[in-house]
Amino acid sequence: MLLHSLIHPPLLEALAAAGHGSKVLIADGNYPVATGVNHHAKVIHLNLQPGLLDAVTVLHALQTAIPIEAATVMTPGGEDPTIFAEFAHSLPGITIDRLRRDAFYAAARGEDTAVVIATGETKHFGNLLVTIGVAPTDATS
C-alpha cells in the first residue's frame, strides 16, 4: 500500500520515470494539450468534467509524491488571476516565476517537460509548470 495520497497508476509511473530537473505541467481545461506540450511528455487526462479535477487539488496530490523546487505560471499581464494566490499559498517558500503566454507555451514544449496533467480547471490562467527537485536524503546515510 502506498503511503502518500497519490494513487493514480499512470501518473505514478510517469513521475517515477522523471527525475530531478524534469518539469510537470498542470494544465487547465483550456490548455491545448494536444499541441502545446513536448510531444515526448506523458499526458495524463484527469479532466473528467469542468471543475473536476482542479489544478490546486492536483498540485496537492503531486506534493505528496515529489519534491517541487520551482514553479512557473502563465501570466496575462495586468492583474493576477485569483488562482495565482492559491498556487502561492500551496507552494510556501517557492518563488513562482511568470511567463507571458508564448514564452510559457515554449517552456511547456521544452525537452525537460516529462509529464502533462490535463485537469478540469475552469479558472483562467490555471496552468502551473513545476520543476521536480531532489528527494531528501536520509540523515543517517
C-alpha atoms as a PDB file:
ATOM      1  CA  MET A   1       0.000   0.000   0.000  1.00  0.00           C
ATOM      2  CA  LEU A   2       1.279   3.454  -0.862  1.00  0.00           C
ATOM      3  CA  LEU A   3       1.940   5.848   1.991  1.00  0.00           C
ATOM      4  CA  HIS A   4       1.145   9.041   0.102  1.00  0.00           C
ATOM      5  CA  SER A   5      -2.198  10.192  -1.244  1.00  0.00           C
ATOM      6  CA  LEU A   6      -1.324   9.988  -4.942  1.00  0.00           C
ATOM      7  CA  ILE A   7      -2.578   6.595  -6.162  1.00  0.00           C
ATOM      8  CA  HIS A   8      -3.164   7.130  -9.913  1.00  0.00           C
ATOM      9  CA  PRO A   9      -1.036   4.341 -11.509  1.00  0.00           C
ATOM     10  CA  PRO A  10      -0.227   6.003 -14.879  1.00  0.00           C
ATOM     11  CA  LEU A  11       0.660   9.272 -13.148  1.00  0.00           C
ATOM     12  CA  LEU A  12       2.880   7.482 -10.639  1.00  0.00           C
ATOM     13  CA  GLU A  13       4.614   5.658 -13.498  1.00  0.00           C
ATOM     14  CA  ALA A  14       5.224   8.920 -15.367  1.00  0.00           C
ATOM     15  CA  LEU A  15       6.572  10.665 -12.254  1.00  0.00           C
ATOM     16  CA  ALA A  16       8.829   7.702 -11.460  1.00  0.00           C
ATOM     17  CA  ALA A  17      10.341   7.949 -14.952  1.00  0.00           C
ATOM     18  CA  ALA A  18      11.013  11.692 -14.493  1.00  0.00           C
ATOM     19  CA  GLY A  19      13.820  12.930 -12.315  1.00  0.00           C
ATOM     20  CA  HIS A  20      15.447  15.982 -10.819  1.00  0.00           C
ATOM     21  CA  GLY A  21      15.005  18.939 -13.127  1.00  0.00           C
ATOM     22  CA  SER A  22      12.150  17.397 -15.076  1.00  0.00           C
ATOM     23  CA  LYS A  23       9.047  19.511 -15.392  1.00  0.00           C
ATOM     24  CA  VAL A  24       5.414  18.638 -14.783  1.00  0.00           C
ATOM     25  CA  LEU A  25       2.701  20.763 -16.369  1.00  0.00           C
ATOM     26  CA  ILE A  26      -0.616  21.023 -14.575  1.00  0.00           C
ATOM     27  CA  ALA A  27      -2.817  22.266 -17.421  1.00  0.00           C
ATOM     28  CA  ASP A  28      -6.171  23.973 -17.047  1.00  0.00           C
ATOM     29  CA  GLY A  29      -9.222  22.973 -19.070  1.00  0.00           C
ATOM     30  CA  ASN A  30      -8.420  25.495 -21.815  1.00  0.00           C
ATOM     31  CA  TYR A  31      -4.803  24.478 -22.370  1.00  0.00           C
ATOM     32  CA  PRO A  32      -4.029  22.986 -25.815  1.00  0.00           C
ATOM     33  CA  VAL A  33      -2.635  19.685 -24.513  1.00  0.00           C
ATOM     34  CA  ALA A  34      -2.538  18.146 -27.991  1.00  0.00           C
ATOM     35  CA  THR A  35      -0.290  20.873 -29.433  1.00  0.00           C
ATOM     36  CA  GLY A  36       1.114  22.958 -26.579  1.00  0.00           C
ATOM     37  CA  VAL A  37       3.438  20.427 -24.938  1.00  0.00           C
ATOM     38  CA  ASN A  38       6.579  18.407 -25.562  1.00  0.00           C
ATOM     39  CA  HIS A  39       5.469  15.507 -27.758  1.00  0.00           C
ATOM     40  CA  HIS A  40       7.636  13.104 -25.695  1.00  0.00           C
ATOM     41  CA  ALA A  41       5.862  14.029 -22.456  1.00  0.00           C
ATOM     42  CA  LYS A  42       3.478  11.544 -20.873  1.00  0.00           C
ATOM     43  CA  VAL A  43      -0.013  13.068 -20.953  1.00  0.00           C
ATOM     44  CA  ILE A  44      -2.337  12.123 -18.109  1.00  0.00           C
ATOM     45  CA  HIS A  45      -6.000  13.061 -18.569  1.00  0.00           C
ATOM     46  CA  LEU A  46      -7.732  13.908 -15.307  1.00  0.00           C
ATOM     47  CA  ASN A  47     -10.254  16.247 -16.927  1.00  0.00           C
ATOM     48  CA  LEU A  48     -13.461  14.355 -16.225  1.00  0.00           C
ATOM     49  CA  GLN A  49     -15.678  17.438 -16.448  1.00  0.00           C
ATOM     50  CA  PRO A  50     -15.299  21.191 -15.903  1.00  0.00           C
ATOM     51  CA  GLY A  51     -14.151  21.721 -12.323  1.00  0.00           C
ATOM     52  CA  LEU A  52     -13.043  18.103 -11.812  1.00  0.00           C
ATOM     53  CA  LEU A  53     -10.221  17.764 -11.071  1.00  0.00           C
ATOM     54  CA  ASP A  54      -8.988  21.301 -10.429  1.00  0.00           C
ATOM     55  CA  ALA A  55      -5.348  22.397 -10.649  1.00  0.00           C
ATOM     56  CA  VAL A  56      -4.829  23.040  -6.919  1.00  0.00           C
ATOM     57  CA  THR A  57      -6.170  19.607  -5.957  1.00  0.00           C
ATOM     58  CA  VAL A  58      -3.781  18.023  -8.461  1.00  0.00           C
ATOM     59  CA  LEU A  59      -0.911  20.140  -7.099  1.00  0.00           C
ATOM     60  CA  HIS A  60      -1.637  18.965  -3.552  1.00  0.00           C
ATOM     61  CA  ALA A  61      -1.612  15.317  -4.658  1.00  0.00           C
ATOM     62  CA  LEU A  62       1.669  15.838  -6.535  1.00  0.00           C
ATOM     63  CA  GLN A  63       3.262  17.370  -3.455  1.00  0.00           C
ATOM     64  CA  THR A  64       2.761  14.105  -1.587  1.00  0.00           C
ATOM     65  CA  ALA A  65       4.785  12.227  -4.200  1.00  0.00           C
ATOM     66  CA  ILE A  66       7.509  14.585  -5.497  1.00  0.00           C
ATOM     67  CA  PRO A  67       9.627  17.425  -4.160  1.00  0.00           C
ATOM     68  CA  ILE A  68       8.949  20.687  -6.009  1.00  0.00           C
ATOM     69  CA  GLU A  69      11.833  23.131  -6.321  1.00  0.00           C
ATOM     70  CA  ALA A  70      10.439  25.712  -8.751  1.00  0.00           C
ATOM     71  CA  ALA A  71       7.185  26.796 -10.367  1.00  0.00           C
ATOM     72  CA  THR A  72       6.066  28.961 -13.267  1.00  0.00           C
ATOM     73  CA  VAL A  73       2.681  30.399 -14.221  1.00  0.00           C
ATOM     74  CA  MET A  74       1.340  31.829 -17.473  1.00  0.00           C
ATOM     75  CA  THR A  75       0.576  35.455 -16.818  1.00  0.00           C
ATOM     76  CA  PRO A  76      -1.902  37.562 -18.765  1.00  0.00           C
ATOM     77  CA  GLY A  77      -0.215  40.809 -17.719  1.00  0.00           C
ATOM     78  CA  GLY A  78      -2.143  43.258 -15.592  1.00  0.00           C
ATOM     79  CA  GLU A  79      -3.956  41.923 -12.541  1.00  0.00           C
ATOM     80  CA  ASP A  80      -3.114  38.460 -11.290  1.00  0.00           C
ATOM     81  CA  PRO A  81      -5.788  35.820 -11.783  1.00  0.00           C
ATOM     82  CA  THR A  82      -7.249  34.600  -8.479  1.00  0.00           C
ATOM     83  CA  ILE A  83      -5.699  31.158  -8.857  1.00  0.00           C
ATOM     84  CA  PHE A  84      -2.179  32.635  -8.532  1.00  0.00           C
ATOM     85  CA  ALA A  85      -2.801  33.273  -4.824  1.00  0.00           C
ATOM     86  CA  GLU A  86      -3.921  29.655  -4.416  1.00  0.00           C
ATOM     87  CA  PHE A  87      -0.746  28.416  -6.101  1.00  0.00           C
ATOM     88  CA  ALA A  88       1.405  30.680  -3.916  1.00  0.00           C
ATOM     89  CA  HIS A  89      -0.371  29.503  -0.754  1.00  0.00           C
ATOM     90  CA  SER A  90       0.189  25.874  -1.782  1.00  0.00           C
ATOM     91  CA  LEU A  91       3.894  26.439  -2.527  1.00  0.00           C
ATOM     92  CA  PRO A  92       5.288  28.250   0.524  1.00  0.00           C
ATOM     93  CA  GLY A  93       8.921  29.221   0.185  1.00  0.00           C
ATOM     94  CA  ILE A  94       8.906  28.871  -3.608  1.00  0.00           C
ATOM     95  CA  THR A  95       9.092  31.968  -5.783  1.00  0.00           C
ATOM     96  CA  ILE A  96       6.695  31.481  -8.658  1.00  0.00           C
ATOM     97  CA  ASP A  97       8.142  32.703 -11.941  1.00  0.00           C
ATOM     98  CA  ARG A  98       5.914  34.343 -14.523  1.00  0.00           C
ATOM     99  CA  LEU A  99       5.977  33.932 -18.275  1.00  0.00           C
ATOM    100  CA  ARG A 100       3.744  35.508 -20.887  1.00  0.00           C
ATOM    101  CA  ARG A 101       1.627  33.126 -22.959  1.00  0.00           C
ATOM    102  CA  ASP A 102       4.026  32.409 -25.848  1.00  0.00           C
ATOM    103  CA  ALA A 103       7.024  32.003 -23.533  1.00  0.00           C
ATOM    104  CA  PHE A 104       5.006  29.680 -21.273  1.00  0.00           C
ATOM    105  CA  TYR A 105       3.995  27.523 -24.252  1.00  0.00           C
ATOM    106  CA  ALA A 106       7.652  27.388 -25.314  1.00  0.00           C
ATOM    107  CA  ALA A 107       8.652  26.263 -21.813  1.00  0.00           C
ATOM    108  CA  ALA A 108       5.916  23.596 -21.768  1.00  0.00           C
ATOM    109  CA  ARG A 109       7.140  22.319 -25.137  1.00  0.00           C
ATOM    110  CA  GLY A 110      10.689  22.049 -23.784  1.00  0.00           C
ATOM    111  CA  GLU A 111      12.518  18.729 -23.780  1.00  0.00           C
ATOM    112  CA  ASP A 112      12.555  18.738 -19.966  1.00  0.00           C
ATOM    113  CA  THR A 113       8.740  18.623 -19.686  1.00  0.00           C
ATOM    114  CA  ALA A 114       8.193  14.969 -18.833  1.00  0.00           C
ATOM    115  CA  VAL A 115       4.600  14.885 -17.589  1.00  0.00           C
ATOM    116  CA  VAL A 116       1.482  16.831 -18.565  1.00  0.00           C
ATOM    117  CA  ILE A 117      -1.647  16.577 -16.453  1.00  0.00           C
ATOM    118  CA  ALA A 118      -4.840  17.771 -18.154  1.00  0.00           C
ATOM    119  CA  THR A 119      -7.264  18.958 -15.485  1.00  0.00           C
ATOM    120  CA  GLY A 120     -10.800  20.279 -15.484  1.00  0.00           C
ATOM    121  CA  GLU A 121      -9.616  23.593 -14.010  1.00  0.00           C
ATOM    122  CA  THR A 122     -12.018  26.361 -15.059  1.00  0.00           C
ATOM    123  CA  LYS A 123     -10.205  29.378 -13.615  1.00  0.00           C
ATOM    124  CA  HIS A 124      -8.435  31.433 -16.250  1.00  0.00           C
ATOM    125  CA  PHE A 125      -4.650  31.022 -16.378  1.00  0.00           C
ATOM    126  CA  GLY A 126      -4.862  27.956 -14.129  1.00  0.00           C
ATOM    127  CA  ASN A 127      -1.697  26.448 -15.609  1.00  0.00           C
ATOM    128  CA  LEU A 128       1.323  25.628 -13.457  1.00  0.00           C
ATOM    129  CA  LEU A 129       4.671  24.274 -14.634  1.00  0.00           C
ATOM    130  CA  VAL A 130       6.598  22.768 -11.715  1.00  0.00           C
ATOM    131  CA  THR A 131      10.166  21.503 -11.568  1.00  0.00           C
ATOM    132  CA  ILE A 132      10.904  18.294  -9.717  1.00  0.00           C
ATOM    133  CA  GLY A 133      13.516  18.787  -7.014  1.00  0.00           C
ATOM    134  CA  VAL A 134      15.905  16.416  -5.324  1.00  0.00           C
ATOM    135  CA  ALA A 135      14.453  13.860  -2.964  1.00  0.00           C
ATOM    136  CA  PRO A 136      15.585  14.431   0.611  1.00  0.00           C
ATOM    137  CA  THR A 137      18.270  12.045   1.790  1.00  0.00           C
ATOM    138  CA  ASP A 138      18.241  10.033   4.961  1.00  0.00           C
ATOM    139  CA  ALA A 139      20.238  11.979   7.551  1.00  0.00           C
ATOM    140  CA  THR A 140      21.901   8.728   8.694  1.00  0.00           C
ATOM    141  CA  SER A 141      23.414   7.980   5.255  1.00  0.00           C
END
